[in-house]
Amino acid sequence: MSRPRGTTWRRNAALLGVAAGCSVLLFLFLGPGQAPDPPPGLSTMAYADGTLTVVEDDRLVLEPFGSAERGALTFTIRPADAQYFDIAHMQSHSSVALPTRIYYERSAGRRYARFKEDAPANSKDG
């Protein structure tokens, strides 16, 4: 018994598509290399846990979990701290609402993001 024409081609194309999709997901979530060591004094910095709603080269917006503050938190990424933020990786976190922890400093009424790490799933603001 022979297979209908095109069945093998469709199956191979589907397998190739699944393999490509898995490769993209692995790259986005595992990243191309090792992250830099955190900045000094990380343990004394304030942090917020939540989901990222905006990820840009110099700005992050986080919807916090159980924060005493109302609404989204906006953080500025200074050029000196840009090495600590893998924007593509963080955009993938944003797209699927993965919990993220942003360590930050306050100055002149602004929040400056200093470091990012994956947050515990049911965490609360620090």
PDB file of N, CA and C in Angstrom:
ATOM      1  N   MET A   1       0.843  -1.156   0.000  1.00  0.00           N
ATOM      2  CA  MET A   1       0.000   0.000   0.000  1.00  0.00           C
ATOM      3  C   MET A   1       0.906   1.241   0.000  1.00  0.00           C
ATOM      4  N   SER A   2       0.626   2.190  -0.854  1.00  0.00           N
ATOM      5  CA  SER A   2       1.448   3.396  -0.936  1.00  0.00           C
ATOM      6  C   SER A   2       0.788   4.527  -0.157  1.00  0.00           C
ATOM      7  N   ARG A   3       1.623   5.470   0.290  1.00  0.00           N
ATOM      8  CA  ARG A   3       1.131   6.641   1.017  1.00  0.00           C
ATOM      9  C   ARG A   3       0.611   7.666   0.027  1.00  0.00           C
ATOM     10  N   PRO A   4      -0.346   8.470   0.459  1.00  0.00           N
ATOM     11  CA  PRO A   4      -0.819   9.537  -0.417  1.00  0.00           C
ATOM     12  C   PRO A   4       0.321  10.505  -0.720  1.00  0.00           C
ATOM     13  N   ARG A   5       0.301  11.060  -1.907  1.00  0.00           N
ATOM     14  CA  ARG A   5       1.350  11.963  -2.360  1.00  0.00           C
ATOM     15  C   ARG A   5       1.450  13.178  -1.415  1.00  0.00           C
ATOM     16  N   GLY A   6       2.648  13.506  -1.004  1.00  0.00           N
ATOM     17  CA  GLY A   6       2.901  14.664  -0.151  1.00  0.00           C
ATOM     18  C   GLY A   6       2.900  14.378   1.339  1.00  0.00           C
ATOM     19  N   THR A   7       2.531  13.185   1.771  1.00  0.00           N
ATOM     20  CA  THR A   7       2.466  12.873   3.193  1.00  0.00           C
ATOM     21  C   THR A   7       3.849  12.933   3.841  1.00  0.00           C
ATOM     22  N   THR A   8       4.844  12.347   3.198  1.00  0.00           N
ATOM     23  CA  THR A   8       6.195  12.343   3.743  1.00  0.00           C
ATOM     24  C   THR A   8       6.737  13.773   3.835  1.00  0.00           C
ATOM     25  N   TRP A   9       6.504  14.551   2.797  1.00  0.00           N
ATOM     26  CA  TRP A   9       6.983  15.938   2.790  1.00  0.00           C
ATOM     27  C   TRP A   9       6.360  16.727   3.942  1.00  0.00           C
ATOM     28  N   ARG A  10       5.075  16.594   4.156  1.00  0.00           N
ATOM     29  CA  ARG A  10       4.386  17.313   5.237  1.00  0.00           C
ATOM     30  C   ARG A  10       4.911  16.889   6.608  1.00  0.00           C
ATOM     31  N   ARG A  11       5.103  15.592   6.779  1.00  0.00           N
ATOM     32  CA  ARG A  11       5.623  15.095   8.054  1.00  0.00           C
ATOM     33  C   ARG A  11       7.016  15.655   8.313  1.00  0.00           C
ATOM     34  N   ASN A  12       7.886  15.640   7.332  1.00  0.00           N
ATOM     35  CA  ASN A  12       9.247  16.163   7.491  1.00  0.00           C
ATOM     36  C   ASN A  12       9.234  17.664   7.755  1.00  0.00           C
ATOM     37  N   ALA A  13       8.364  18.373   7.070  1.00  0.00           N
ATOM     38  CA  ALA A  13       8.258  19.816   7.289  1.00  0.00           C
ATOM     39  C   ALA A  13       7.775  20.103   8.709  1.00  0.00           C
ATOM     40  N   ALA A  14       6.828  19.326   9.195  1.00  0.00           N
ATOM     41  CA  ALA A  14       6.321  19.513  10.555  1.00  0.00           C
ATOM     42  C   ALA A  14       7.410  19.222  11.586  1.00  0.00           C
ATOM     43  N   LEU A  15       8.170  18.160  11.381  1.00  0.00           N
ATOM     44  CA  LEU A  15       9.274  17.838  12.298  1.00  0.00           C
ATOM     45  C   LEU A  15      10.328  18.935  12.302  1.00  0.00           C
ATOM     46  N   LEU A  16      10.640  19.454  11.136  1.00  0.00           N
ATOM     47  CA  LEU A  16      11.616  20.543  11.038  1.00  0.00           C
ATOM     48  C   LEU A  16      11.095  21.787  11.760  1.00  0.00           C
ATOM     49  N   GLY A  17       9.819  22.085  11.621  1.00  0.00           N
ATOM     50  CA  GLY A  17       9.221  23.229  12.311  1.00  0.00           C
ATOM     51  C   GLY A  17       9.269  23.080  13.818  1.00  0.00           C
ATOM     52  N   VAL A  18       8.962  21.902  14.319  1.00  0.00           N
ATOM     53  CA  VAL A  18       9.015  21.649  15.764  1.00  0.00           C
ATOM     54  C   VAL A  18      10.446  21.784  16.270  1.00  0.00           C
ATOM     55  N   ALA A  19      11.410  21.237  15.535  1.00  0.00           N
ATOM     56  CA  ALA A  19      12.821  21.337  15.931  1.00  0.00           C
ATOM     57  C   ALA A  19      13.276  22.796  15.950  1.00  0.00           C
ATOM     58  N   ALA A  20      12.875  23.580  14.956  1.00  0.00           N
ATOM     59  CA  ALA A  20      13.250  24.997  14.911  1.00  0.00           C
ATOM     60  C   ALA A  20      12.618  25.752  16.081  1.00  0.00           C
ATOM     61  N   GLY A  21      11.358  25.479  16.371  1.00  0.00           N
ATOM     62  CA  GLY A  21      10.683  26.130  17.491  1.00  0.00           C
ATOM     63  C   GLY A  21      11.346  25.815  18.822  1.00  0.00           C
ATOM     64  N   CYS A  22      11.713  24.564  19.023  1.00  0.00           N
ATOM     65  CA  CYS A  22      12.401  24.170  20.256  1.00  0.00           C
ATOM     66  C   CYS A  22      13.750  24.863  20.374  1.00  0.00           C
ATOM     67  N   SER A  23      14.458  24.981  19.266  1.00  0.00           N
ATOM     68  CA  SER A  23      15.762  25.650  19.270  1.00  0.00           C
ATOM     69  C   SER A  23      15.620  27.111  19.674  1.00  0.00           C
ATOM     70  N   VAL A  24      14.619  27.787  19.137  1.00  0.00           N
ATOM     71  CA  VAL A  24      14.396  29.192  19.477  1.00  0.00           C
ATOM     72  C   VAL A  24      14.067  29.328  20.960  1.00  0.00           C
ATOM     73  N   LEU A  25      13.201  28.484  21.483  1.00  0.00           N
ATOM     74  CA  LEU A  25      12.852  28.550  22.903  1.00  0.00           C
ATOM     75  C   LEU A  25      14.063  28.290  23.797  1.00  0.00           C
ATOM     76  N   LEU A  26      14.865  27.310  23.456  1.00  0.00           N
ATOM     77  CA  LEU A  26      16.076  27.036  24.236  1.00  0.00           C
ATOM     78  C   LEU A  26      17.015  28.228  24.230  1.00  0.00           C
ATOM     79  N   PHE A  27      17.185  28.850  23.068  1.00  0.00           N
ATOM     80  CA  PHE A  27      18.070  30.009  22.974  1.00  0.00           C
ATOM     81  C   PHE A  27      17.540  31.162  23.823  1.00  0.00           C
ATOM     82  N   LEU A  28      16.230  31.419  23.746  1.00  0.00           N
ATOM     83  CA  LEU A  28      15.653  32.541  24.488  1.00  0.00           C
ATOM     84  C   LEU A  28      15.722  32.344  25.994  1.00  0.00           C
ATOM     85  N   PHE A  29      15.462  31.121  26.455  1.00  0.00           N
ATOM     86  CA  PHE A  29      15.399  30.911  27.889  1.00  0.00           C
ATOM     87  C   PHE A  29      16.731  30.505  28.514  1.00  0.00           C
ATOM     88  N   LEU A  30      17.620  29.924  27.754  1.00  0.00           N
ATOM     89  CA  LEU A  30      18.927  29.567  28.297  1.00  0.00           C
ATOM     90  C   LEU A  30      19.973  30.619  27.980  1.00  0.00           C
ATOM     91  N   GLY A  31      19.750  31.373  26.917  1.00  0.00           N
ATOM     92  CA  GLY A  31      20.650  32.463  26.562  1.00  0.00           C
ATOM     93  C   GLY A  31      21.931  31.976  25.924  1.00  0.00           C
ATOM     94  N   PRO A  32      22.633  32.895  25.272  1.00  0.00           N
ATOM     95  CA  PRO A  32      23.841  32.532  24.557  1.00  0.00           C
ATOM     96  C   PRO A  32      25.062  32.348  25.436  1.00  0.00           C
ATOM     97  N   GLY A  33      25.064  32.892  26.632  1.00  0.00           N
ATOM     98  CA  GLY A  33      26.258  32.769  27.463  1.00  0.00           C
ATOM     99  C   GLY A  33      25.927  32.983  28.920  1.00  0.00           C
ATOM    100  N   GLN A  34      26.960  33.001  29.731  1.00  0.00           N
ATOM    101  CA  GLN A  34      26.792  33.161  31.163  1.00  0.00           C
ATOM    102  C   GLN A  34      26.573  34.631  31.506  1.00  0.00           C
ATOM    103  N   ALA A  35      25.662  34.877  32.422  1.00  0.00           N
ATOM    104  CA  ALA A  35      25.385  36.236  32.874  1.00  0.00           C
ATOM    105  C   ALA A  35      26.553  36.747  33.724  1.00  0.00           C
ATOM    106  N   PRO A  36      26.769  38.060  33.720  1.00  0.00           N
ATOM    107  CA  PRO A  36      27.843  38.606  34.554  1.00  0.00           C
ATOM    108  C   PRO A  36      27.514  38.458  36.026  1.00  0.00           C
ATOM    109  N   ASP A  37      28.547  38.503  36.856  1.00  0.00           N
ATOM    110  CA  ASP A  37      28.338  38.476  38.298  1.00  0.00           C
ATOM    111  C   ASP A  37      27.518  39.689  38.706  1.00  0.00           C
ATOM    112  N   PRO A  38      26.704  39.567  39.744  1.00  0.00           N
ATOM    113  CA  PRO A  38      25.892  40.708  40.194  1.00  0.00           C
ATOM    114  C   PRO A  38      26.776  41.866  40.663  1.00  0.00           C
ATOM    115  N   PRO A  39      26.228  43.061  40.672  1.00  0.00           N
ATOM    116  CA  PRO A  39      26.994  44.197  41.167  1.00  0.00           C
ATOM    117  C   PRO A  39      27.245  44.078  42.668  1.00  0.00           C
ATOM    118  N   PRO A  40      28.272  44.726  43.165  1.00  0.00           N
ATOM    119  CA  PRO A  40      28.534  44.685  44.610  1.00  0.00           C
ATOM    120  C   PRO A  40      27.367  45.279  45.393  1.00  0.00           C
ATOM    121  N   GLY A  41      27.124  44.743  46.563  1.00  0.00           N
ATOM    122  CA  GLY A  41      26.081  45.266  47.442  1.00  0.00           C
ATOM    123  C   GLY A  41      24.668  44.825  47.090  1.00  0.00           C
ATOM    124  N   LEU A  42      24.540  43.809  46.254  1.00  0.00           N
ATOM    125  CA  LEU A  42      23.215  43.360  45.818  1.00  0.00           C
ATOM    126  C   LEU A  42      22.325  42.994  47.010  1.00  0.00           C
ATOM    127  N   SER A  43      22.889  42.372  48.026  1.00  0.00           N
ATOM    128  CA  SER A  43      22.084  41.904  49.165  1.00  0.00           C
ATOM    129  C   SER A  43      21.470  43.049  49.961  1.00  0.00           C
ATOM    130  N   THR A  44      21.971  44.258  49.806  1.00  0.00           N
ATOM    131  CA  THR A  44      21.425  45.393  50.545  1.00  0.00           C
ATOM    132  C   THR A  44      20.468  46.239  49.699  1.00  0.00           C
ATOM    133  N   MET A  45      20.316  45.895  48.424  1.00  0.00           N
ATOM    134  CA  MET A  45      19.456  46.680  47.534  1.00  0.00           C
ATOM    135  C   MET A  45      17.990  46.305  47.697  1.00  0.00           C
ATOM    136  N   ALA A  46      17.132  47.295  47.449  1.00  0.00           N
ATOM    137  CA  ALA A  46      15.692  47.030  47.390  1.00  0.00           C
ATOM    138  C   ALA A  46      15.410  46.215  46.142  1.00  0.00           C
ATOM    139  N   TYR A  47      14.321  45.457  46.169  1.00  0.00           N
ATOM    140  CA  TYR A  47      13.937  44.706  44.977  1.00  0.00           C
ATOM    141  C   TYR A  47      12.431  44.633  44.872  1.00  0.00           C
ATOM    142  N   ALA A  48      11.979  44.350  43.668  1.00  0.00           N
ATOM    143  CA  ALA A  48      10.553  44.157  43.420  1.00  0.00           C
ATOM    144  C   ALA A  48      10.391  42.906  42.574  1.00  0.00           C
ATOM    145  N   ASP A  49       9.405  42.094  42.900  1.00  0.00           N
ATOM    146  CA  ASP A  49       9.080  40.887  42.141  1.00  0.00           C
ATOM    147  C   ASP A  49       7.780  41.122  41.388  1.00  0.00           C
ATOM    148  N   GLY A  50       7.720  40.653  40.169  1.00  0.00           N
ATOM    149  CA  GLY A  50       6.503  40.788  39.392  1.00  0.00           C
ATOM    150  C   GLY A  50       6.712  40.287  37.981  1.00  0.00           C
ATOM    151  N   THR A  51       5.867  40.742  37.074  1.00  0.00           N
ATOM    152  CA  THR A  51       6.003  40.373  35.667  1.00  0.00           C
ATOM    153  C   THR A  51       6.325  41.625  34.861  1.00  0.00           C
ATOM    154  N   LEU A  52       7.239  41.463  33.934  1.00  0.00           N
ATOM    155  CA  LEU A  52       7.643  42.574  33.083  1.00  0.00           C
ATOM    156  C   LEU A  52       6.583  42.820  32.017  1.00  0.00           C
ATOM    157  N   THR A  53       6.181  44.070  31.880  1.00  0.00           N
ATOM    158  CA  THR A  53       5.211  44.421  30.844  1.00  0.00           C
ATOM    159  C   THR A  53       5.850  45.227  29.724  1.00  0.00           C
ATOM    160  N   VAL A  54       6.980  45.882  30.009  1.00  0.00           N
ATOM    161  CA  VAL A  54       7.743  46.621  29.001  1.00  0.00           C
ATOM    162  C   VAL A  54       9.217  46.321  29.226  1.00  0.00           C
ATOM    163  N   VAL A  55       9.912  45.963  28.141  1.00  0.00           N
ATOM    164  CA  VAL A  55      11.351  45.728  28.203  1.00  0.00           C
ATOM    165  C   VAL A  55      11.988  46.479  27.038  1.00  0.00           C
ATOM    166  N   GLU A  56      12.746  47.515  27.361  1.00  0.00           N
ATOM    167  CA  GLU A  56      13.456  48.305  26.365  1.00  0.00           C
ATOM    168  C   GLU A  56      14.909  48.422  26.798  1.00  0.00           C
ATOM    169  N   ASP A  57      15.755  48.920  25.905  1.00  0.00           N
ATOM    170  CA  ASP A  57      17.186  49.028  26.207  1.00  0.00           C
ATOM    171  C   ASP A  57      17.470  49.839  27.467  1.00  0.00           C
ATOM    172  N   ASP A  58      16.688  50.869  27.722  1.00  0.00           N
ATOM    173  CA  ASP A  58      16.959  51.732  28.861  1.00  0.00           C
ATOM    174  C   ASP A  58      15.788  51.871  29.836  1.00  0.00           C
ATOM    175  N   ARG A  59      14.754  51.013  29.682  1.00  0.00           N
ATOM    176  CA  ARG A  59      13.583  51.134  30.541  1.00  0.00           C
ATOM    177  C   ARG A  59      12.903  49.786  30.723  1.00  0.00           C
ATOM    178  N   LEU A  60      12.465  49.547  31.959  1.00  0.00           N
ATOM    179  CA  LEU A  60      11.687  48.355  32.297  1.00  0.00           C
ATOM    180  C   LEU A  60      10.432  48.794  33.031  1.00  0.00           C
ATOM    181  N   VAL A  61       9.333  48.113  32.771  1.00  0.00           N
ATOM    182  CA  VAL A  61       8.104  48.334  33.530  1.00  0.00           C
ATOM    183  C   VAL A  61       7.699  46.986  34.095  1.00  0.00           C
ATOM    184  N   LEU A  62       7.496  46.965  35.410  1.00  0.00           N
ATOM    185  CA  LEU A  62       7.183  45.738  36.129  1.00  0.00           C
ATOM    186  C   LEU A  62       5.831  45.886  36.813  1.00  0.00           C
ATOM    187  N   GLU A  63       4.972  44.901  36.603  1.00  0.00           N
ATOM    188  CA  GLU A  63       3.702  44.829  37.333  1.00  0.00           C
ATOM    189  C   GLU A  63       3.994  43.988  38.573  1.00  0.00           C
ATOM    190  N   PRO A  64       4.085  44.634  39.756  1.00  0.00           N
ATOM    191  CA  PRO A  64       4.545  43.919  40.952  1.00  0.00           C
ATOM    192  C   PRO A  64       3.505  42.982  41.547  1.00  0.00           C
ATOM    193  N   PHE A  65       4.000  41.978  42.270  1.00  0.00           N
ATOM    194  CA  PHE A  65       3.164  41.073  43.044  1.00  0.00           C
ATOM    195  C   PHE A  65       2.997  41.669  44.438  1.00  0.00           C
ATOM    196  N   GLY A  66       1.790  41.840  44.901  1.00  0.00           N
ATOM    197  CA  GLY A  66       1.518  42.222  46.287  1.00  0.00           C
ATOM    198  C   GLY A  66       2.279  43.429  46.780  1.00  0.00           C
ATOM    199  N   SER A  67       2.530  44.402  45.936  1.00  0.00           N
ATOM    200  CA  SER A  67       3.298  45.574  46.327  1.00  0.00           C
ATOM    201  C   SER A  67       2.460  46.524  47.176  1.00  0.00           C
ATOM    202  N   ALA A  68       3.137  47.191  48.114  1.00  0.00           N
ATOM    203  CA  ALA A  68       2.469  48.238  48.885  1.00  0.00           C
ATOM    204  C   ALA A  68       2.189  49.436  47.976  1.00  0.00           C
ATOM    205  N   GLU A  69       2.997  49.593  46.933  1.00  0.00           N
ATOM    206  CA  GLU A  69       2.800  50.663  45.963  1.00  0.00           C
ATOM    207  C   GLU A  69       1.770  50.212  44.937  1.00  0.00           C
ATOM    208  N   ARG A  70       0.955  51.126  44.491  1.00  0.00           N
ATOM    209  CA  ARG A  70      -0.092  50.814  43.515  1.00  0.00           C
ATOM    210  C   ARG A  70       0.436  50.996  42.101  1.00  0.00           C
ATOM    211  N   GLY A  71       0.030  50.096  41.225  1.00  0.00           N
ATOM    212  CA  GLY A  71       0.349  50.233  39.809  1.00  0.00           C
ATOM    213  C   GLY A  71       1.731  49.719  39.442  1.00  0.00           C
ATOM    214  N   ALA A  72       2.009  49.860  38.167  1.00  0.00           N
ATOM    215  CA  ALA A  72       3.269  49.376  37.608  1.00  0.00           C
ATOM    216  C   ALA A  72       4.442  50.228  38.093  1.00  0.00           C
ATOM    217  N   LEU A  73       5.605  49.589  38.189  1.00  0.00           N
ATOM    218  CA  LEU A  73       6.838  50.272  38.581  1.00  0.00           C
ATOM    219  C   LEU A  73       7.714  50.446  37.341  1.00  0.00           C
ATOM    220  N   THR A  74       8.207  51.661  37.141  1.00  0.00           N
ATOM    221  CA  THR A  74       9.081  51.939  36.007  1.00  0.00           C
ATOM    222  C   THR A  74      10.512  52.094  36.501  1.00  0.00           C
ATOM    223  N   PHE A  75      11.442  51.433  35.802  1.00  0.00           N
ATOM    224  CA  PHE A  75      12.856  51.473  36.149  1.00  0.00           C
ATOM    225  C   PHE A  75      13.654  51.980  34.955  1.00  0.00           C
ATOM    226  N   THR A  76      14.651  52.788  35.224  1.00  0.00           N
ATOM    227  CA  THR A  76      15.580  53.239  34.194  1.00  0.00           C
ATOM    228  C   THR A  76      16.819  52.356  34.276  1.00  0.00           C
ATOM    229  N   ILE A  77      17.337  51.953  33.125  1.00  0.00           N
ATOM    230  CA  ILE A  77      18.603  51.212  33.073  1.00  0.00           C
ATOM    231  C   ILE A  77      19.682  52.189  32.625  1.00  0.00           C
ATOM    232  N   ARG A  78      20.614  52.473  33.517  1.00  0.00           N
ATOM    233  CA  ARG A  78      21.722  53.371  33.178  1.00  0.00           C
ATOM    234  C   ARG A  78      22.747  52.628  32.337  1.00  0.00           C
ATOM    235  N   PRO A  79      23.480  53.342  31.475  1.00  0.00           N
ATOM    236  CA  PRO A  79      24.493  52.688  30.629  1.00  0.00           C
ATOM    237  C   PRO A  79      25.493  51.845  31.434  1.00  0.00           C
ATOM    238  N   ALA A  80      25.864  52.295  32.618  1.00  0.00           N
ATOM    239  CA  ALA A  80      26.829  51.544  33.433  1.00  0.00           C
ATOM    240  C   ALA A  80      26.273  50.199  33.899  1.00  0.00           C
ATOM    241  N   ASP A  81      24.946  50.072  33.971  1.00  0.00           N
ATOM    242  CA  ASP A  81      24.323  48.832  34.437  1.00  0.00           C
ATOM    243  C   ASP A  81      23.781  47.965  33.301  1.00  0.00           C
ATOM    244  N   ALA A  82      23.877  48.422  32.068  1.00  0.00           N
ATOM    245  CA  ALA A  82      23.305  47.703  30.923  1.00  0.00           C
ATOM    246  C   ALA A  82      23.866  46.286  30.789  1.00  0.00           C
ATOM    247  N   GLN A  83      25.102  46.063  31.230  1.00  0.00           N
ATOM    248  CA  GLN A  83      25.717  44.730  31.133  1.00  0.00           C
ATOM    249  C   GLN A  83      24.960  43.669  31.930  1.00  0.00           C
ATOM    250  N   TYR A  84      24.170  44.084  32.911  1.00  0.00           N
ATOM    251  CA  TYR A  84      23.447  43.147  33.766  1.00  0.00           C
ATOM    252  C   TYR A  84      22.083  42.744  33.212  1.00  0.00           C
ATOM    253  N   PHE A  85      21.706  43.283  32.048  1.00  0.00           N
ATOM    254  CA  PHE A  85      20.376  43.040  31.513  1.00  0.00           C
ATOM    255  C   PHE A  85      20.450  42.495  30.092  1.00  0.00           C
ATOM    256  N   ASP A  86      20.027  41.245  29.928  1.00  0.00           N
ATOM    257  CA  ASP A  86      19.931  40.616  28.613  1.00  0.00           C
ATOM    258  C   ASP A  86      18.530  40.920  28.096  1.00  0.00           C
ATOM    259  N   ILE A  87      18.430  41.951  27.259  1.00  0.00           N
ATOM    260  CA  ILE A  87      17.128  42.459  26.824  1.00  0.00           C
ATOM    261  C   ILE A  87      16.314  41.374  26.105  1.00  0.00           C
ATOM    262  N   ALA A  88      16.936  40.620  25.205  1.00  0.00           N
ATOM    263  CA  ALA A  88      16.198  39.574  24.470  1.00  0.00           C
ATOM    264  C   ALA A  88      15.646  38.524  25.436  1.00  0.00           C
ATOM    265  N   HIS A  89      16.443  38.130  26.401  1.00  0.00           N
ATOM    266  CA  HIS A  89      16.002  37.144  27.394  1.00  0.00           C
ATOM    267  C   HIS A  89      14.842  37.707  28.221  1.00  0.00           C
ATOM    268  N   MET A  90      14.952  38.961  28.603  1.00  0.00           N
ATOM    269  CA  MET A  90      13.905  39.579  29.405  1.00  0.00           C
ATOM    270  C   MET A  90      12.617  39.765  28.593  1.00  0.00           C
ATOM    271  N   GLN A  91      12.737  40.032  27.306  1.00  0.00           N
ATOM    272  CA  GLN A  91      11.546  40.130  26.460  1.00  0.00           C
ATOM    273  C   GLN A  91      10.833  38.788  26.377  1.00  0.00           C
ATOM    274  N   SER A  92      11.607  37.693  26.356  1.00  0.00           N
ATOM    275  CA  SER A  92      10.971  36.376  26.350  1.00  0.00           C
ATOM    276  C   SER A  92      10.249  36.125  27.670  1.00  0.00           C
ATOM    277  N   HIS A  93      10.821  36.579  28.786  1.00  0.00           N
ATOM    278  CA  HIS A  93      10.145  36.470  30.082  1.00  0.00           C
ATOM    279  C   HIS A  93       8.847  37.266  30.051  1.00  0.00           C
ATOM    280  N   SER A  94       8.909  38.452  29.490  1.00  0.00           N
ATOM    281  CA  SER A  94       7.734  39.313  29.416  1.00  0.00           C
ATOM    282  C   SER A  94       6.624  38.669  28.590  1.00  0.00           C
ATOM    283  N   SER A  95       6.998  38.037  27.495  1.00  0.00           N
ATOM    284  CA  SER A  95       5.991  37.481  26.588  1.00  0.00           C
ATOM    285  C   SER A  95       5.176  36.345  27.212  1.00  0.00           C
ATOM    286  N   VAL A  96       5.746  35.663  28.186  1.00  0.00           N
ATOM    287  CA  VAL A  96       5.025  34.564  28.836  1.00  0.00           C
ATOM    288  C   VAL A  96       4.792  34.820  30.326  1.00  0.00           C
ATOM    289  N   ALA A  97       4.981  36.066  30.756  1.00  0.00           N
ATOM    290  CA  ALA A  97       4.707  36.506  32.131  1.00  0.00           C
ATOM    291  C   ALA A  97       5.436  35.697  33.201  1.00  0.00           C
ATOM    292  N   LEU A  98       6.720  35.418  32.968  1.00  0.00           N
ATOM    293  CA  LEU A  98       7.504  34.705  33.976  1.00  0.00           C
ATOM    294  C   LEU A  98       7.880  35.664  35.105  1.00  0.00           C
ATOM    295  N   PRO A  99       7.809  35.221  36.344  1.00  0.00           N
ATOM    296  CA  PRO A  99       8.171  36.082  37.472  1.00  0.00           C
ATOM    297  C   PRO A  99       9.625  36.529  37.378  1.00  0.00           C
ATOM    298  N   THR A 100       9.830  37.820  37.640  1.00  0.00           N
ATOM    299  CA  THR A 100      11.160  38.420  37.537  1.00  0.00           C
ATOM    300  C   THR A 100      11.404  39.290  38.760  1.00  0.00           C
ATOM    301  N   ARG A 101      12.632  39.292  39.246  1.00  0.00           N
ATOM    302  CA  ARG A 101      13.030  40.146  40.369  1.00  0.00           C
ATOM    303  C   ARG A 101      13.976  41.222  39.835  1.00  0.00           C
ATOM    304  N   ILE A 102      13.646  42.474  40.109  1.00  0.00           N
ATOM    305  CA  ILE A 102      14.491  43.594  39.719  1.00  0.00           C
ATOM    306  C   ILE A 102      15.053  44.225  40.986  1.00  0.00           C
ATOM    307  N   TYR A 103      16.379  44.249  41.100  1.00  0.00           N
ATOM    308  CA  TYR A 103      17.048  44.965  42.179  1.00  0.00           C
ATOM    309  C   TYR A 103      17.241  46.396  41.696  1.00  0.00           C
ATOM    310  N   TYR A 104      17.029  47.339  42.597  1.00  0.00           N
ATOM    311  CA  TYR A 104      17.093  48.732  42.149  1.00  0.00           C
ATOM    312  C   TYR A 104      17.563  49.671  43.256  1.00  0.00           C
ATOM    313  N   GLU A 105      17.909  50.881  42.817  1.00  0.00           N
ATOM    314  CA  GLU A 105      18.248  51.987  43.718  1.00  0.00           C
ATOM    315  C   GLU A 105      17.316  53.147  43.391  1.00  0.00           C
ATOM    316  N   ARG A 106      17.037  53.956  44.394  1.00  0.00           N
ATOM    317  CA  ARG A 106      16.235  55.164  44.182  1.00  0.00           C
ATOM    318  C   ARG A 106      17.134  56.383  44.304  1.00  0.00           C
ATOM    319  N   SER A 107      16.877  57.335  43.421  1.00  0.00           N
ATOM    320  CA  SER A 107      17.598  58.597  43.482  1.00  0.00           C
ATOM    321  C   SER A 107      16.740  59.657  42.810  1.00  0.00           C
ATOM    322  N   ALA A 108      16.571  60.780  43.489  1.00  0.00           N
ATOM    323  CA  ALA A 108      15.795  61.904  42.973  1.00  0.00           C
ATOM    324  C   ALA A 108      14.422  61.463  42.461  1.00  0.00           C
ATOM    325  N   GLY A 109      13.762  60.565  43.209  1.00  0.00           N
ATOM    326  CA  GLY A 109      12.421  60.140  42.852  1.00  0.00           C
ATOM    327  C   GLY A 109      12.326  59.134  41.712  1.00  0.00           C
ATOM    328  N   ARG A 110      13.454  58.649  41.226  1.00  0.00           N
ATOM    329  CA  ARG A 110      13.456  57.660  40.133  1.00  0.00           C
ATOM    330  C   ARG A 110      14.002  56.340  40.644  1.00  0.00           C
ATOM    331  N   ARG A 111      13.588  55.261  39.969  1.00  0.00           N
ATOM    332  CA  ARG A 111      14.110  53.919  40.268  1.00  0.00           C
ATOM    333  C   ARG A 111      15.089  53.544  39.171  1.00  0.00           C
ATOM    334  N   TYR A 112      16.285  53.145  39.586  1.00  0.00           N
ATOM    335  CA  TYR A 112      17.313  52.718  38.639  1.00  0.00           C
ATOM    336  C   TYR A 112      17.552  51.223  38.808  1.00  0.00           C
ATOM    337  N   ALA A 113      17.253  50.463  37.766  1.00  0.00           N
ATOM    338  CA  ALA A 113      17.449  49.010  37.802  1.00  0.00           C
ATOM    339  C   ALA A 113      18.944  48.722  37.839  1.00  0.00           C
ATOM    340  N   ARG A 114      19.332  47.841  38.734  1.00  0.00           N
ATOM    341  CA  ARG A 114      20.744  47.475  38.865  1.00  0.00           C
ATOM    342  C   ARG A 114      21.025  46.038  38.444  1.00  0.00           C
ATOM    343  N   PHE A 115      20.022  45.144  38.635  1.00  0.00           N
ATOM    344  CA  PHE A 115      20.256  43.730  38.339  1.00  0.00           C
ATOM    345  C   PHE A 115      18.908  43.036  38.212  1.00  0.00           C
ATOM    346  N   LYS A 116      18.875  41.949  37.457  1.00  0.00           N
ATOM    347  CA  LYS A 116      17.664  41.154  37.250  1.00  0.00           C
ATOM    348  C   LYS A 116      17.960  39.695  37.507  1.00  0.00           C
ATOM    349  N   GLU A 117      16.996  39.012  38.109  1.00  0.00           N
ATOM    350  CA  GLU A 117      17.087  37.557  38.229  1.00  0.00           C
ATOM    351  C   GLU A 117      15.675  36.981  38.190  1.00  0.00           C
ATOM    352  N   ASP A 118      15.590  35.690  37.946  1.00  0.00           N
ATOM    353  CA  ASP A 118      14.286  35.030  37.969  1.00  0.00           C
ATOM    354  C   ASP A 118      13.781  35.050  39.401  1.00  0.00           C
ATOM    355  N   ALA A 119      12.513  35.397  39.558  1.00  0.00           N
ATOM    356  CA  ALA A 119      11.931  35.495  40.905  1.00  0.00           C
ATOM    357  C   ALA A 119      11.214  34.202  41.267  1.00  0.00           C
ATOM    358  N   PRO A 120      11.127  33.934  42.555  1.00  0.00           N
ATOM    359  CA  PRO A 120      10.294  32.806  42.975  1.00  0.00           C
ATOM    360  C   PRO A 120       8.858  33.038  42.489  1.00  0.00           C
ATOM    361  N   ALA A 121       8.150  31.997  42.146  1.00  0.00           N
ATOM    362  CA  ALA A 121       6.812  32.112  41.536  1.00  0.00           C
ATOM    363  C   ALA A 121       5.805  32.852  42.402  1.00  0.00           C
ATOM    364  N   ASN A 122       5.847  32.682  43.707  1.00  0.00           N
ATOM    365  CA  ASN A 122       4.855  33.311  44.577  1.00  0.00           C
ATOM    366  C   ASN A 122       5.503  34.320  45.519  1.00  0.00           C
ATOM    367  N   SER A 123       6.429  35.088  44.992  1.00  0.00           N
ATOM    368  CA  SER A 123       7.162  36.020  45.835  1.00  0.00           C
ATOM    369  C   SER A 123       6.406  37.315  46.035  1.00  0.00           C
ATOM    370  N   LYS A 124       6.885  38.087  46.992  1.00  0.00           N
ATOM    371  CA  LYS A 124       6.314  39.408  47.253  1.00  0.00           C
ATOM    372  C   LYS A 124       7.431  40.424  47.276  1.00  0.00           C
ATOM    373  N   ASP A 125       7.060  41.681  47.179  1.00  0.00           N
ATOM    374  CA  ASP A 125       8.029  42.783  47.192  1.00  0.00           C
ATOM    375  C   ASP A 125       8.937  42.725  48.401  1.00  0.00           C
ATOM    376  N   GLY A 126      10.149  43.222  48.163  1.00  0.00           N
ATOM    377  CA  GLY A 126      11.075  43.353  49.272  1.00  0.00           C
ATOM    378  C   GLY A 126      11.182  44.770  49.715  1.00  0.00           C
TER     379      GLY A 126
END
